[in-house]
Amino acid sequence: MGTVDTAPETGRRAGNLPASPGLRRAGRVLTALGVVWAAATFTFLIQALLPGDRATLLLNQLTGQVQERTPEELAPINAQYGFDDPLIVQYLRFLRDLATGNLGESYQLHKPVVSVIADQVGPTIVLTFASLGVAWIISVAVIIGTARRNRFVSSIASGLEAVAAGLPQYWLGVILLVVFALDLGLFPVVGGTGPAGLVLPALTLGIPLAGFLGQVTRTEFEKALDQPFALSARMRGMGDASVRVCHVLRHSVLPGVTLSGWALGSLFSGAVIAESVFSRPGLGKILVTAVNSRDLPVVCGIVILVAAIYVVANLLVDIAYTLIDPRLKNS
């Protein structure tokens, strides 16, 4: 009897095997590095190709006088920063410095950009995570309290979520400031750094995000209410509130967790608005000042930081998936 060649079939089966966890992790790391590299390249091109001579801009910043400069005046600046080098040489030097954590020096503050960011990033991080927490608390409370209660209540709640998702953050911040700080005097008007000063900025960023979280989570929550595990829990005598909190919520939050990965980066960049409205310390104030004074290294450093926040947030989402549903660990 002749032998049967099983190699092609074996190859096909092997080709259909899912990638190993190690390969998936390596792919995520490469994707993360690619995102940061793209953001860094974009910011470099903005800095290098914007109209106006960078040496003139920097010299005017140093002297505090806006005027035309002679080539003799500009020569030391061009030599110090390498502005006269070919663009590809400047780009490679930029990537080398970035790899070593060197983001350049602020034109206005005359300090390393890393130090400028490090001095102000703490309040922005606190505001970002406080806003994310506020958004989740609001959305979860509304969904648990209104989903599938009755058609009228559920429709009203769903409509409020849509309205909240469409609220402009700047407008909402001004309204909260006028009503709760100026009129009622419940919170500080300017520059509050304690817990009370964090409430209104966190609500400014958190309420619109709560609308988005509610919209993407409500549908899954209502589907999960009809799943066998929920029906089984009710048959064992568990109350409706316990079923919703202990069983249904866990099986409906994955879309919201996915959105939270995007939201972390969005909140971090959106903190510029809240910090400006409420005169809070943080990267927002530094970024606004840097844009107005064309302090390009600071602007570029903050853009790269936001890109890195997006990357880290998405990696955290992957970890959160496996904590919420361990079955996804090997999928």
Protein backbone atom coordinates (compact mmCIF):
# COMPACT_ATOMS: atom_id res chain seq x y z
CA MET A 1 0.00 0.00 0.00
CA GLY A 2 1.26 3.53 -0.78
CA THR A 3 1.85 6.06 1.92
CA VAL A 4 -0.36 9.09 2.17
CA ASP A 5 1.40 12.43 2.11
CA THR A 6 0.07 14.29 5.15
CA ALA A 7 2.57 17.16 5.04
CA PRO A 8 0.33 19.64 3.19
CA GLU A 9 -2.56 18.98 5.56
CA THR A 10 -0.24 19.27 8.55
CA GLY A 11 1.07 22.55 7.20
CA ARG A 12 -2.43 23.87 6.72
CA ARG A 13 -3.38 22.95 10.27
CA ALA A 14 -0.21 24.52 11.62
CA GLY A 15 -0.87 27.66 9.59
CA ASN A 16 -4.27 28.02 11.21
CA LEU A 17 -2.93 27.91 14.76
CA PRO A 18 -3.36 31.18 16.64
CA ALA A 19 -0.28 33.20 17.41
CA SER A 20 1.35 32.46 20.74
CA PRO A 21 0.88 34.92 23.63
CA GLY A 22 4.55 35.88 23.30
CA LEU A 23 4.10 36.83 19.64
CA ARG A 24 0.95 38.80 20.43
CA ARG A 25 2.78 40.72 23.17
CA ALA A 26 5.67 41.42 20.82
CA GLY A 27 3.21 42.67 18.21
CA ARG A 28 1.60 45.02 20.74
CA VAL A 29 5.00 46.38 21.79
CA LEU A 30 6.00 47.00 18.16
CA THR A 31 2.67 48.72 17.50
CA ALA A 32 3.16 50.89 20.60
CA LEU A 33 6.66 51.88 19.49
CA GLY A 34 5.30 52.64 16.02
CA VAL A 35 2.67 55.01 17.43
CA VAL A 36 5.23 56.89 19.52
CA TRP A 37 7.62 57.05 16.55
CA ALA A 38 4.85 58.43 14.30
CA ALA A 39 3.94 61.10 16.86
CA ALA A 40 7.60 62.02 17.31
CA THR A 41 8.13 62.27 13.54
CA PHE A 42 5.03 64.42 13.14
CA THR A 43 6.12 66.82 15.86
CA PHE A 44 9.64 67.03 14.43
CA LEU A 45 8.30 67.94 10.99
CA ILE A 46 6.05 70.61 12.49
CA GLN A 47 9.00 72.07 14.37
CA ALA A 48 11.30 71.97 11.34
CA LEU A 49 8.90 73.06 8.58
CA LEU A 50 6.79 75.78 10.21
CA PRO A 51 7.20 79.21 8.57
CA GLY A 52 9.77 81.44 10.20
CA ASP A 53 13.41 81.00 11.08
CA ARG A 54 13.89 78.99 14.27
CA ALA A 55 17.16 80.70 15.11
CA THR A 56 15.51 84.12 14.86
CA LEU A 57 12.62 82.93 17.01
CA LEU A 58 14.95 81.54 19.66
CA LEU A 59 17.15 84.64 19.73
CA ASN A 60 14.11 86.87 20.07
CA GLN A 61 12.92 84.71 22.95
CA LEU A 62 16.29 85.01 24.67
CA THR A 63 16.54 88.79 24.27
CA GLY A 64 12.85 89.63 24.65
CA GLN A 65 12.99 91.74 21.47
CA VAL A 66 11.12 90.85 18.28
CA GLN A 67 13.20 92.04 15.31
CA GLU A 68 15.04 90.88 12.21
CA ARG A 69 18.46 89.36 12.87
CA THR A 70 21.65 89.44 10.83
CA PRO A 71 23.37 86.23 9.73
CA GLU A 72 26.21 87.05 12.12
CA GLU A 73 23.80 87.18 15.07
CA LEU A 74 22.14 83.92 14.03
CA ALA A 75 25.32 81.96 13.35
CA PRO A 76 25.99 80.96 17.02
CA ILE A 77 22.39 79.80 17.48
CA ASN A 78 22.44 77.76 14.27
CA ALA A 79 25.73 76.18 15.29
CA GLN A 80 24.53 75.38 18.82
CA TYR A 81 21.25 73.73 17.77
CA GLY A 82 22.33 72.39 14.38
CA PHE A 83 19.63 74.29 12.48
CA ASP A 84 21.91 74.55 9.42
CA ASP A 85 22.40 70.77 9.16
CA PRO A 86 20.48 68.82 6.49
CA LEU A 87 16.96 67.89 7.58
CA ILE A 88 17.74 64.15 7.67
CA VAL A 89 20.69 64.80 10.00
CA GLN A 90 18.49 66.86 12.29
CA TYR A 91 15.86 64.10 12.24
CA LEU A 92 18.30 61.35 13.16
CA ARG A 93 19.73 63.49 15.94
CA PHE A 94 16.18 64.13 17.17
CA LEU A 95 15.43 60.38 17.28
CA ARG A 96 18.72 59.71 19.07
CA ASP A 97 17.93 62.31 21.71
CA LEU A 98 14.39 61.00 22.05
CA ALA A 99 15.67 57.47 22.63
CA THR A 100 17.81 58.78 25.50
CA GLY A 101 14.96 60.80 27.00
CA ASN A 102 16.21 64.17 25.77
CA LEU A 103 13.31 66.29 24.45
CA GLY A 104 15.35 69.45 24.05
CA GLU A 105 15.31 72.72 25.95
CA SER A 106 12.43 75.15 26.36
CA TYR A 107 12.97 78.34 24.38
CA GLN A 108 11.11 80.40 26.96
CA LEU A 109 11.95 78.77 30.30
CA HIS A 110 15.54 77.79 29.37
CA LYS A 111 15.09 74.42 31.09
CA PRO A 112 15.08 70.87 29.72
CA VAL A 113 11.62 69.98 28.41
CA VAL A 114 11.66 66.82 30.52
CA SER A 115 12.02 68.94 33.65
CA VAL A 116 9.26 71.33 32.54
CA ILE A 117 6.87 68.42 32.00
CA ALA A 118 7.89 66.61 35.18
CA ASP A 119 7.21 69.73 37.26
CA GLN A 120 3.62 70.03 36.00
CA VAL A 121 2.47 66.54 35.01
CA GLY A 122 1.35 65.48 38.51
CA PRO A 123 -1.83 67.64 38.74
CA THR A 124 -2.78 66.67 35.18
CA ILE A 125 -2.50 62.95 35.94
CA VAL A 126 -4.61 63.39 39.09
CA LEU A 127 -7.27 65.27 37.12
CA THR A 128 -7.25 62.66 34.34
CA PHE A 129 -7.87 59.68 36.62
CA ALA A 130 -10.35 61.61 38.78
CA SER A 131 -12.35 62.45 35.65
CA LEU A 132 -12.29 58.82 34.50
CA GLY A 133 -13.47 57.69 37.94
CA VAL A 134 -16.28 60.28 37.94
CA ALA A 135 -17.38 59.14 34.48
CA TRP A 136 -17.55 55.48 35.51
CA ILE A 137 -19.39 56.25 38.77
CA ILE A 138 -22.04 58.30 36.96
CA SER A 139 -22.52 55.87 34.07
CA VAL A 140 -22.65 52.73 36.25
CA ALA A 141 -25.08 54.33 38.73
CA VAL A 142 -27.41 55.49 35.94
CA ILE A 143 -27.34 52.16 34.10
CA ILE A 144 -27.91 50.02 37.19
CA GLY A 145 -30.71 52.29 38.32
CA THR A 146 -32.54 52.70 35.01
CA ALA A 147 -31.77 49.86 32.56
CA ARG A 148 -34.88 47.79 31.87
CA ARG A 149 -36.78 49.36 34.80
CA ASN A 150 -39.56 50.62 32.55
CA ARG A 151 -39.62 52.02 29.05
CA PHE A 152 -40.11 55.66 30.09
CA VAL A 153 -37.29 55.73 32.66
CA SER A 154 -34.91 53.87 30.37
CA SER A 155 -35.69 56.22 27.46
CA ILE A 156 -35.13 59.32 29.59
CA ALA A 157 -31.81 57.97 30.87
CA SER A 158 -30.68 57.03 27.36
CA GLY A 159 -31.58 60.51 26.11
CA LEU A 160 -29.65 62.17 28.94
CA GLU A 161 -26.61 60.04 28.05
CA ALA A 162 -26.79 61.27 24.45
CA VAL A 163 -27.08 64.88 25.62
CA ALA A 164 -24.16 64.50 28.06
CA ALA A 165 -21.96 62.95 25.37
CA GLY A 166 -22.52 65.99 23.15
CA LEU A 167 -21.75 68.65 25.77
CA PRO A 168 -18.74 70.83 24.85
CA GLN A 169 -16.24 70.60 27.69
CA TYR A 170 -15.34 74.29 27.64
CA TRP A 171 -19.03 75.36 27.80
CA LEU A 172 -19.78 72.84 30.56
CA GLY A 173 -16.78 74.02 32.57
CA VAL A 174 -17.89 77.66 32.39
CA ILE A 175 -21.45 76.73 33.44
CA LEU A 176 -20.22 74.69 36.42
CA LEU A 177 -17.84 77.49 37.41
CA VAL A 178 -20.56 80.16 37.29
CA VAL A 179 -23.24 78.13 39.10
CA PHE A 180 -21.33 76.21 41.76
CA ALA A 181 -18.31 78.47 42.36
CA LEU A 182 -19.46 82.04 41.69
CA ASP A 183 -23.18 81.87 42.52
CA LEU A 184 -23.35 79.18 45.23
CA GLY A 185 -19.76 79.49 46.50
CA LEU A 186 -19.47 75.74 47.08
CA PHE A 187 -16.10 75.37 45.37
CA PRO A 188 -13.04 77.60 44.83
CA VAL A 189 -13.22 79.88 41.82
CA VAL A 190 -9.56 79.92 40.83
CA GLY A 191 -6.64 77.55 41.24
CA GLY A 192 -8.01 75.15 43.84
CA THR A 193 -5.43 72.41 44.42
CA GLY A 194 -7.18 70.42 47.17
CA PRO A 195 -10.02 67.89 46.83
CA ALA A 196 -12.63 70.66 46.63
CA GLY A 197 -10.77 72.31 43.76
CA LEU A 198 -10.73 69.00 41.87
CA VAL A 199 -14.50 68.42 41.84
CA LEU A 200 -15.61 70.88 39.14
CA PRO A 201 -12.73 70.17 36.71
CA ALA A 202 -13.32 66.42 37.10
CA LEU A 203 -17.04 66.89 36.43
CA THR A 204 -16.23 69.05 33.40
CA LEU A 205 -14.28 66.20 31.80
CA GLY A 206 -16.19 63.31 33.35
CA ILE A 207 -19.82 64.15 32.50
CA PRO A 208 -19.39 64.01 28.67
CA LEU A 209 -17.36 60.81 29.00
CA ALA A 210 -20.08 59.33 31.23
CA GLY A 211 -22.52 59.85 28.36
CA PHE A 212 -20.29 57.88 25.98
CA LEU A 213 -19.69 55.11 28.54
CA GLY A 214 -23.42 54.84 29.23
CA GLN A 215 -24.26 54.58 25.55
CA VAL A 216 -21.81 51.76 24.84
CA THR A 217 -22.51 49.87 28.08
CA ARG A 218 -26.32 50.09 28.30
CA THR A 219 -27.01 47.79 25.35
CA GLU A 220 -24.68 45.09 26.65
CA PHE A 221 -26.13 45.47 30.14
CA GLU A 222 -29.68 44.95 28.90
CA LYS A 223 -28.61 41.89 26.90
CA ALA A 224 -26.84 40.44 29.94
CA LEU A 225 -30.03 40.79 32.02
CA ASP A 226 -31.57 38.00 29.90
CA GLN A 227 -28.59 35.66 30.00
CA PRO A 228 -28.87 32.27 31.78
CA PHE A 229 -26.46 33.25 34.57
CA ALA A 230 -28.71 36.19 35.53
CA LEU A 231 -31.85 34.05 35.45
CA SER A 232 -30.09 31.36 37.51
CA ALA A 233 -29.04 33.92 40.14
CA ARG A 234 -32.64 35.11 40.47
CA MET A 235 -33.86 31.54 40.87
CA ARG A 236 -31.42 31.09 43.76
CA GLY A 237 -33.18 33.96 45.55
CA MET A 238 -30.73 36.78 44.79
CA GLY A 239 -32.33 40.23 44.67
CA ASP A 240 -32.51 42.30 41.50
CA ALA A 241 -29.95 44.88 42.68
CA SER A 242 -27.47 42.14 43.64
CA VAL A 243 -27.90 40.42 40.27
CA ARG A 244 -27.25 43.68 38.45
CA VAL A 245 -24.18 44.63 40.50
CA CYS A 246 -22.56 41.24 41.09
CA HIS A 247 -23.27 39.43 37.82
CA VAL A 248 -24.69 41.53 35.00
CA LEU A 249 -22.35 44.51 35.35
CA ARG A 250 -19.22 42.41 35.04
CA HIS A 251 -20.42 40.89 31.76
CA SER A 252 -21.36 44.23 30.19
CA VAL A 253 -18.41 46.53 30.89
CA LEU A 254 -15.97 45.34 28.20
CA PRO A 255 -17.15 47.94 25.63
CA GLY A 256 -16.75 50.62 28.30
CA VAL A 257 -13.28 49.35 29.18
CA THR A 258 -12.33 49.58 25.50
CA LEU A 259 -13.59 53.16 25.40
CA SER A 260 -11.65 53.94 28.58
CA GLY A 261 -8.40 53.18 26.79
CA TRP A 262 -9.15 55.92 24.29
CA ALA A 263 -10.60 58.13 27.02
CA LEU A 264 -7.41 58.21 29.09
CA GLY A 265 -5.49 59.86 26.28
CA SER A 266 -8.44 62.09 25.42
CA LEU A 267 -8.87 63.19 29.04
CA PHE A 268 -5.15 63.85 29.36
CA SER A 269 -5.23 66.16 26.36
CA GLY A 270 -8.64 67.56 27.36
CA ALA A 271 -7.22 68.56 30.73
CA VAL A 272 -5.84 71.59 28.90
CA ILE A 273 -9.41 72.93 28.72
CA ALA A 274 -10.31 72.28 32.35
CA GLU A 275 -7.02 73.62 33.66
CA SER A 276 -7.46 76.78 31.61
CA VAL A 277 -11.07 77.36 32.71
CA PHE A 278 -10.36 76.74 36.40
CA SER A 279 -6.80 78.16 36.42
CA ARG A 280 -5.40 74.91 37.78
CA PRO A 281 -1.70 74.03 37.70
CA GLY A 282 -0.74 71.37 35.22
CA LEU A 283 0.38 70.75 31.66
CA GLY A 284 -2.61 72.66 30.28
CA LYS A 285 -1.32 76.02 31.44
CA ILE A 286 2.21 75.16 30.24
CA LEU A 287 0.90 74.07 26.82
CA VAL A 288 -1.19 77.20 26.30
CA THR A 289 1.79 79.40 27.21
CA ALA A 290 4.09 77.38 24.93
CA VAL A 291 1.71 77.64 21.96
CA ASN A 292 1.28 81.40 22.41
CA SER A 293 5.04 81.94 22.60
CA ARG A 294 5.86 79.32 19.92
CA ASP A 295 7.95 77.34 22.40
CA LEU A 296 8.08 74.40 20.00
CA PRO A 297 10.18 71.95 22.07
CA VAL A 298 7.65 72.11 24.92
CA VAL A 299 4.71 71.65 22.53
CA CYS A 300 6.44 68.70 20.88
CA GLY A 301 7.29 67.12 24.23
CA ILE A 302 3.68 67.28 25.42
CA VAL A 303 2.39 65.85 22.11
CA ILE A 304 4.79 62.91 22.42
CA LEU A 305 3.73 62.40 26.03
CA VAL A 306 0.04 62.27 25.04
CA ALA A 307 0.86 59.68 22.37
CA ALA A 308 2.69 57.61 24.98
CA ILE A 309 -0.34 57.90 27.30
CA TYR A 310 -2.57 56.51 24.53
CA VAL A 311 -0.20 53.58 24.07
CA VAL A 312 0.04 52.77 27.78
CA ALA A 313 -3.74 53.10 28.15
CA ASN A 314 -4.36 50.53 25.43
CA LEU A 315 -1.89 48.12 27.03
CA LEU A 316 -3.75 48.57 30.33
CA VAL A 317 -7.01 47.78 28.54
CA ASP A 318 -5.57 44.46 27.38
CA ILE A 319 -4.65 43.63 30.97
CA ALA A 320 -8.07 44.70 32.23
CA TYR A 321 -9.76 42.41 29.70
CA THR A 322 -8.10 39.33 31.15
CA LEU A 323 -8.89 40.42 34.72
CA ILE A 324 -12.57 40.93 33.91
CA ASP A 325 -12.90 37.77 31.78
CA PRO A 326 -10.01 35.29 32.22
CA ARG A 327 -11.26 33.32 29.20
CA LEU A 328 -9.82 36.09 26.98
CA LYS A 329 -6.26 35.44 28.19
CA ASN A 330 -5.57 32.78 25.56
CA SER A 331 -8.00 33.96 22.88
